Each structure stands twice: as structure tokens, then as C-alpha cells.
Protein backbone atom coordinates (compact mmCIF):
# COMPACT_ATOMS: atom_id res chain seq x y z
CA GLY A 1 0.00 0.00 0.00
CA TRP A 2 0.83 3.69 0.05
CA THR A 3 1.93 5.78 3.01
CA THR A 4 1.22 9.51 2.99
CA MET A 5 3.23 11.96 5.04
CA PRO A 6 4.34 15.60 4.83
CA VAL A 7 7.82 16.35 3.56
CA GLU A 8 9.61 19.69 3.53
CA LEU A 9 11.44 20.45 0.29
CA PRO A 10 14.28 23.01 0.22
CA LEU A 11 13.11 25.27 -2.58
CA LYS A 12 16.60 26.24 -3.74
CA GLU A 13 17.63 22.59 -4.12
CA THR A 14 14.46 21.47 -5.95
CA ALA A 15 13.61 21.75 -9.65
CA LEU A 16 10.42 20.98 -11.52
CA VAL A 17 11.55 19.02 -14.59
CA SER A 18 9.24 19.01 -17.59
CA MET A 19 10.32 16.08 -19.76
CA HIS A 20 9.19 15.36 -23.34
CA ALA A 21 6.09 17.54 -22.91
CA TRP A 22 5.47 17.57 -26.64
CA GLU A 23 2.53 19.05 -28.47
CA CYS A 24 0.13 16.15 -28.78
CA CYS A 25 -1.07 14.68 -32.00
CA THR A 26 -4.85 14.74 -32.42
CA PRO A 27 -7.13 12.07 -33.91
CA GLU A 28 -8.54 14.67 -36.30
CA LYS A 29 -5.21 15.82 -37.76
CA HIS A 30 -3.01 12.76 -37.14
CA PRO A 31 -5.20 9.63 -37.09
CA VAL A 32 -2.42 7.16 -37.91
CA THR A 33 0.03 8.60 -35.40
CA CYS A 34 -2.65 8.53 -32.71
CA ARG A 35 -3.52 4.91 -33.52
CA SER A 36 0.10 3.89 -33.01
CA GLN A 37 0.53 5.90 -29.79
CA GLU A 38 -2.41 5.50 -27.45
CA TYR A 39 -1.35 7.87 -24.63
CA PRO A 40 -1.55 11.33 -26.34
CA VAL A 41 -5.27 11.71 -25.58
CA ARG A 42 -4.54 11.49 -21.84
CA ALA A 43 -1.40 13.61 -22.21
CA LYS A 44 -3.38 16.37 -23.93
CA LEU A 45 -5.79 16.59 -21.01
CA ILE A 46 -2.89 16.72 -18.54
CA LEU A 47 -1.19 19.48 -20.54
CA GLU A 48 -4.39 21.51 -20.62
CA ASN A 49 -5.54 21.01 -17.03
CA VAL A 50 -2.51 20.25 -14.84
CA PHE A 51 0.52 21.87 -16.44
CA PRO A 52 -0.64 25.53 -16.43
CA PRO A 53 -1.39 25.88 -12.69
CA LEU A 54 1.58 23.71 -11.73
CA LEU A 55 4.15 25.60 -13.80
CA SER A 56 2.65 28.96 -12.81
CA ALA A 57 2.89 28.11 -9.11
CA ALA A 58 6.48 26.88 -9.41
CA ARG A 59 7.58 29.96 -11.33
CA ALA A 60 5.80 32.36 -8.99
CA ALA A 61 7.43 30.73 -5.95
CA GLY A 62 10.89 30.91 -7.47
CA MET A 63 11.32 27.17 -7.95
CA ALA A 64 13.69 26.28 -10.78
CA VAL A 65 11.96 24.93 -13.89
CA LEU A 66 14.06 22.79 -16.24
CA HIS A 67 13.14 21.08 -19.50
CA VAL A 68 14.38 17.75 -20.89
CA VAL A 69 14.00 17.56 -24.65
CA GLY A 70 14.60 15.03 -27.40
CA GLY A 71 13.23 13.39 -30.50
CA GLY A 72 13.78 16.20 -32.96
CA ASP A 73 15.47 19.52 -33.61
CA TYR A 74 12.79 21.86 -32.27
CA TYR A 75 15.06 23.08 -29.46
CA LYS A 76 18.47 23.21 -31.18
CA ASP A 77 18.48 26.95 -31.82
CA LEU A 78 17.36 28.03 -28.34
CA PRO A 79 20.04 29.90 -26.35
CA GLU A 80 19.17 28.02 -23.15
CA TYR A 81 19.92 24.71 -24.87
CA ARG A 82 23.19 25.99 -26.33
CA HIS A 83 24.15 27.16 -22.85
CA ALA A 84 23.61 23.62 -21.49
CA VAL A 85 25.81 22.21 -24.27
CA GLU A 86 28.58 24.64 -23.33
CA LEU A 87 28.26 23.82 -19.62
CA ALA A 88 28.37 20.05 -20.18
CA GLY A 89 31.17 20.07 -22.76
CA ALA A 90 31.69 17.07 -25.02
CA ASP A 91 28.77 14.65 -24.87
CA PRO A 92 29.81 11.51 -22.92
CA GLU A 93 26.41 9.84 -23.16
CA PHE A 94 26.78 7.45 -26.10
CA THR A 95 29.65 5.04 -26.62
CA GLY A 96 28.26 2.49 -29.10
CA ASP A 97 30.47 -0.24 -27.68
CA ALA A 98 28.41 -3.28 -28.69
CA PRO A 99 29.80 -5.12 -31.74
CA HIS A 100 28.06 -4.04 -34.94
CA SER A 101 27.80 -7.63 -36.09
CA GLU A 102 25.64 -8.96 -38.90
CA ALA A 103 23.24 -10.44 -36.36
CA ASN A 104 23.02 -7.18 -34.38
CA ILE A 105 22.17 -5.21 -37.50
CA ARG A 106 19.73 -7.86 -38.76
CA PHE A 107 17.88 -7.95 -35.42
CA ARG A 108 17.45 -4.16 -35.52
CA GLU A 109 16.08 -4.28 -39.06
CA LEU A 110 13.60 -6.97 -38.06
CA LYS A 111 12.49 -4.99 -35.00
CA ALA A 112 12.01 -1.86 -37.11
CA LEU A 113 9.88 -3.86 -39.51
CA CYS A 114 7.48 -5.54 -37.10
CA GLY A 115 8.58 -5.07 -33.50
CA ARG A 116 7.24 -1.57 -32.78
CA PRO A 117 3.61 -0.60 -32.13
CA ALA A 118 3.68 1.74 -35.15
CA GLY A 119 5.18 -0.90 -37.47
CA ARG A 120 2.49 -1.19 -40.16
CA ASN A 121 1.65 2.51 -40.03
CA ASN A 122 5.11 4.06 -40.26
CA GLU A 123 4.94 4.99 -43.93
CA THR A 124 1.43 6.45 -43.68
CA ALA A 125 2.25 8.29 -40.44
CA ALA A 126 5.16 9.99 -42.19
CA THR A 127 2.74 11.53 -44.68
CA GLU A 128 0.90 13.26 -41.81
CA LYS A 129 3.99 15.42 -41.29
CA PHE A 130 3.62 15.43 -37.52
CA ARG A 131 6.54 17.42 -36.15
CA LEU A 132 7.68 17.35 -32.55
CA ASP A 133 7.61 20.63 -30.67
CA PHE A 134 6.99 21.91 -27.16
CA ALA A 135 3.35 21.83 -26.15
CA PRO A 136 2.12 25.42 -25.79
CA GLN A 137 1.48 24.82 -22.09
CA ALA A 138 5.06 23.56 -21.55
CA ARG A 139 7.11 26.00 -23.61
CA PRO A 140 10.19 27.16 -21.68
CA LEU A 141 10.46 30.72 -20.48
CA PRO A 142 13.72 32.62 -21.05
CA GLU A 143 16.53 31.46 -18.72
CA GLU A 144 14.82 28.14 -17.91
CA GLY A 145 17.38 25.40 -18.54
CA ILE A 146 16.99 23.03 -21.49
CA ALA A 147 18.89 19.71 -21.66
CA GLU A 148 18.75 16.72 -24.00
CA ASN A 149 20.75 14.26 -21.88
CA GLY A 150 21.94 13.52 -18.37
CA ALA A 151 25.29 15.28 -18.75
CA GLN A 152 23.59 18.53 -19.73
CA LEU A 153 20.92 18.25 -17.04
CA ASN A 154 23.61 17.51 -14.47
CA ALA A 155 25.55 20.60 -15.56
CA LEU A 156 22.46 22.79 -15.24
CA CYS A 157 21.64 21.38 -11.81
CA ARG A 158 25.17 21.79 -10.49
CA ALA A 159 25.23 25.41 -11.65
CA ARG A 160 22.00 26.01 -9.72
CA GLY A 161 22.76 23.90 -6.63
CA ILE A 162 19.86 21.52 -7.33
CA SER A 163 19.79 17.98 -5.92
CA HIS A 164 16.08 17.03 -6.09
CA LEU A 165 14.30 16.65 -9.44
CA VAL A 166 10.49 16.52 -9.54
CA TYR A 167 9.50 15.14 -12.95
CA ILE A 168 6.38 15.86 -14.97
CA GLY A 169 5.72 14.93 -18.59
CA PHE A 170 5.47 11.87 -20.78
CA ALA A 171 5.57 9.03 -20.54
CA LEU A 172 6.31 7.70 -17.06
CA ASP A 173 7.13 4.08 -17.84
CA TRP A 174 9.29 4.91 -20.87
CA CYS A 175 10.95 8.32 -21.18
CA LEU A 176 10.72 9.64 -17.62
CA LEU A 177 12.31 6.50 -16.23
CA THR A 178 14.69 5.32 -18.95
CA SER A 179 15.45 8.00 -21.56
CA ALA A 180 18.50 10.29 -21.52
CA GLY A 181 18.00 12.82 -18.74
CA GLY A 182 15.38 10.63 -17.07
CA MET A 183 15.29 9.25 -13.54
CA ARG A 184 17.54 6.25 -14.03
CA ASP A 185 20.10 8.48 -15.73
CA MET A 186 20.03 11.08 -12.96
CA ALA A 187 19.69 8.71 -9.99
CA ARG A 188 23.07 7.15 -10.80
CA ARG A 189 24.45 10.68 -10.48
CA TRP A 190 22.98 10.74 -6.95
CA TYR A 191 20.01 13.00 -7.68
CA PHE A 192 16.80 12.35 -5.73
CA CYS A 193 14.09 11.87 -8.38
CA SER A 194 10.37 12.27 -7.69
CA VAL A 195 7.25 12.58 -9.86
CA ILE A 196 3.88 14.31 -9.71
CA ARG A 197 1.23 11.64 -10.11
CA ASP A 198 -1.39 13.54 -12.08
CA ALA A 199 1.16 15.42 -14.24
CA THR A 200 2.20 12.27 -16.11
CA THR A 201 0.74 9.23 -17.80
CA ALA A 202 2.14 5.97 -19.15
CA VAL A 203 2.22 4.02 -22.39
CA GLU A 204 -0.41 1.33 -22.01
CA ASN A 205 -1.31 -1.73 -24.06
CA ARG A 206 -4.43 -3.84 -24.54
CA GLU A 207 -3.96 -5.65 -21.25
CA SER A 208 -3.15 -2.59 -19.12
CA ALA A 209 -5.11 0.31 -20.60
CA ARG A 210 -8.41 -0.06 -18.75
CA ALA A 211 -6.79 0.20 -15.30
CA GLU A 212 -3.75 2.25 -16.44
CA ALA A 213 -1.71 -0.53 -14.89
CA HIS A 214 1.59 0.56 -16.46
CA LYS A 215 1.25 3.96 -14.82
CA GLU A 216 0.59 2.36 -11.45
CA GLU A 217 3.59 0.09 -11.88
CA GLY A 218 5.72 3.08 -12.90
CA LEU A 219 4.65 5.05 -9.82
CA TRP A 220 5.52 2.03 -7.67
CA ARG A 221 8.98 1.86 -9.27
CA VAL A 222 9.60 5.54 -8.58
CA SER A 223 8.45 5.25 -4.97
CA THR A 224 10.58 2.20 -4.24
CA GLY A 225 13.68 3.10 -6.22
CA TYR A 226 13.99 6.81 -6.85
CA GLY A 227 12.02 9.31 -4.78
CA PHE A 228 8.58 10.56 -3.74
CA ILE A 229 5.16 10.61 -5.41
CA PHE A 230 3.39 13.98 -5.16
CA ASP A 231 -0.08 15.11 -6.21
CA SER A 232 -0.33 18.45 -7.98
CA LYS A 233 -2.98 20.11 -5.80
CA PRO A 234 -1.14 19.91 -2.45
CA PHE A 235 2.13 20.64 -4.26
CA ILE A 236 0.63 23.82 -5.74
CA ALA A 237 -1.00 24.74 -2.42
CA ALA A 238 2.35 24.48 -0.64
CA LEU A 239 4.02 26.73 -3.21
CA GLN A 240 1.22 29.27 -2.91
CA ALA A 241 1.34 29.15 0.89
CA ARG A 242 5.03 29.92 0.75
CA LEU A 243 4.33 33.03 -1.30
CA GLN A 244 1.85 34.24 1.31
CA THR A 245 4.40 33.90 4.11
CA HIS A 246 7.25 35.69 2.30
């Protein structure tokens, strides 16, 4: 079961981390993309209803807001991203050490053909010209850090004295936990990594979708291996209460 208790967060050491908060595809404009990715409908509602008050409260209270990006080039020209690249220096993230054998390459070709949920729809989805970009509700403000990997996020956090990362964004059981700049990446650097329950969702499948079981399993993994689980309303209320006392 779950245990609930109050916890005091040092504001200067805590950052709200918006990860892969992309503008969502819509069934009307991108039917094939939406068929191959079932979570955007839930993500869209979260972006519209949870992100605005949460980000506004964090910014008003002076909490650092950072952004983890990836999957395209929509952020490459932003000065905040270029600053993170300069801080981190040469990218140490990828080594490519596994042998590039015939079998390794053949397995990857086979997986690309039939091993991904979008497999049969890839060609048609490409014609929809869906381009990744920040969701309007999650677009960074000037001077908010932007990182595409753990080295860059670490550099931004060290420059700000941040040790606790509170993640929001998509999707919990994939990107937030395992992608570059996600919890697993940052936890091995000794960062305490938490998540806001209603500011994320998970990638579900036929067996899990009805109960959102993958999200529940992801929350359990965070709580047992990485950090705390917060809900947005008390989190926002605490930030607003701090404003009233200062």
C-alpha cells in the first residue's frame, strides 16, 4: 500500500523538470500517429488542465523549472539549450560499444519492420507530417534550462545547486524513467528523483489500458527506487502558501 506523510522540500535545491512535454497529435489531424501511440489523448488533457497551474505556481514561488528535450530539432536553436551544451562540454552519453555484427544489424532491421507498435503505419504516419515541438502549455520561459541528456541536465543542476528533481511529462514508464536525462540516468548521479502523479501518464497496451496498470507500476517503481510521489494540488498549495508567508 501507500503511506502519505508531509515532507519539507528546500526550494533552492528542488527543480520541476518538464520532460518530453510535446505538443500532442490529435485524432482529427493525425489519425495514424494517434492509432500507433495511445497515450496522447490522456497527455493532452494533462497538458491543458494540470501543467498551467503547476508551472505557474512553481515559477511564482521561485522554484527552478528545467526542461528535458529530445526526439527532434525543435530546441536546437534556443540559447538556453546551447548554454547547457557549453556547460556540459563534449557529450559523454553514447559510446556504441556493442559489436556491430551482422546479427546485431539484422535484429534491428527486423524490429524496425514488425517489433514496434507503429510498425504497419510508419509509412502512412510519415505523410501526416507530424513534427515534434513543445506543447504550448510547456514552452520554456527565457533562462529556464533546457537539456537533452543527463550530462547537460547535471551541468544545469550543479550550476544552480539543485539535488532534487520533480518530474512531470510523458511518458512515465518509458521516457521519464529510462530516456536520456530521465530518472535512471540522474539517480546514478545521486540525484533524488520524484514525480507528480497527475502530471504524467504511461504508455499502455491492450492488457493494461483499462486500469492504467503501467502507470501504477511506474509510480511504484519511482516510490521504491527513486524518490517521492506527489499530487499536484497539495504541491501547488504548498508553493502558494510559501508566497503568502514571504
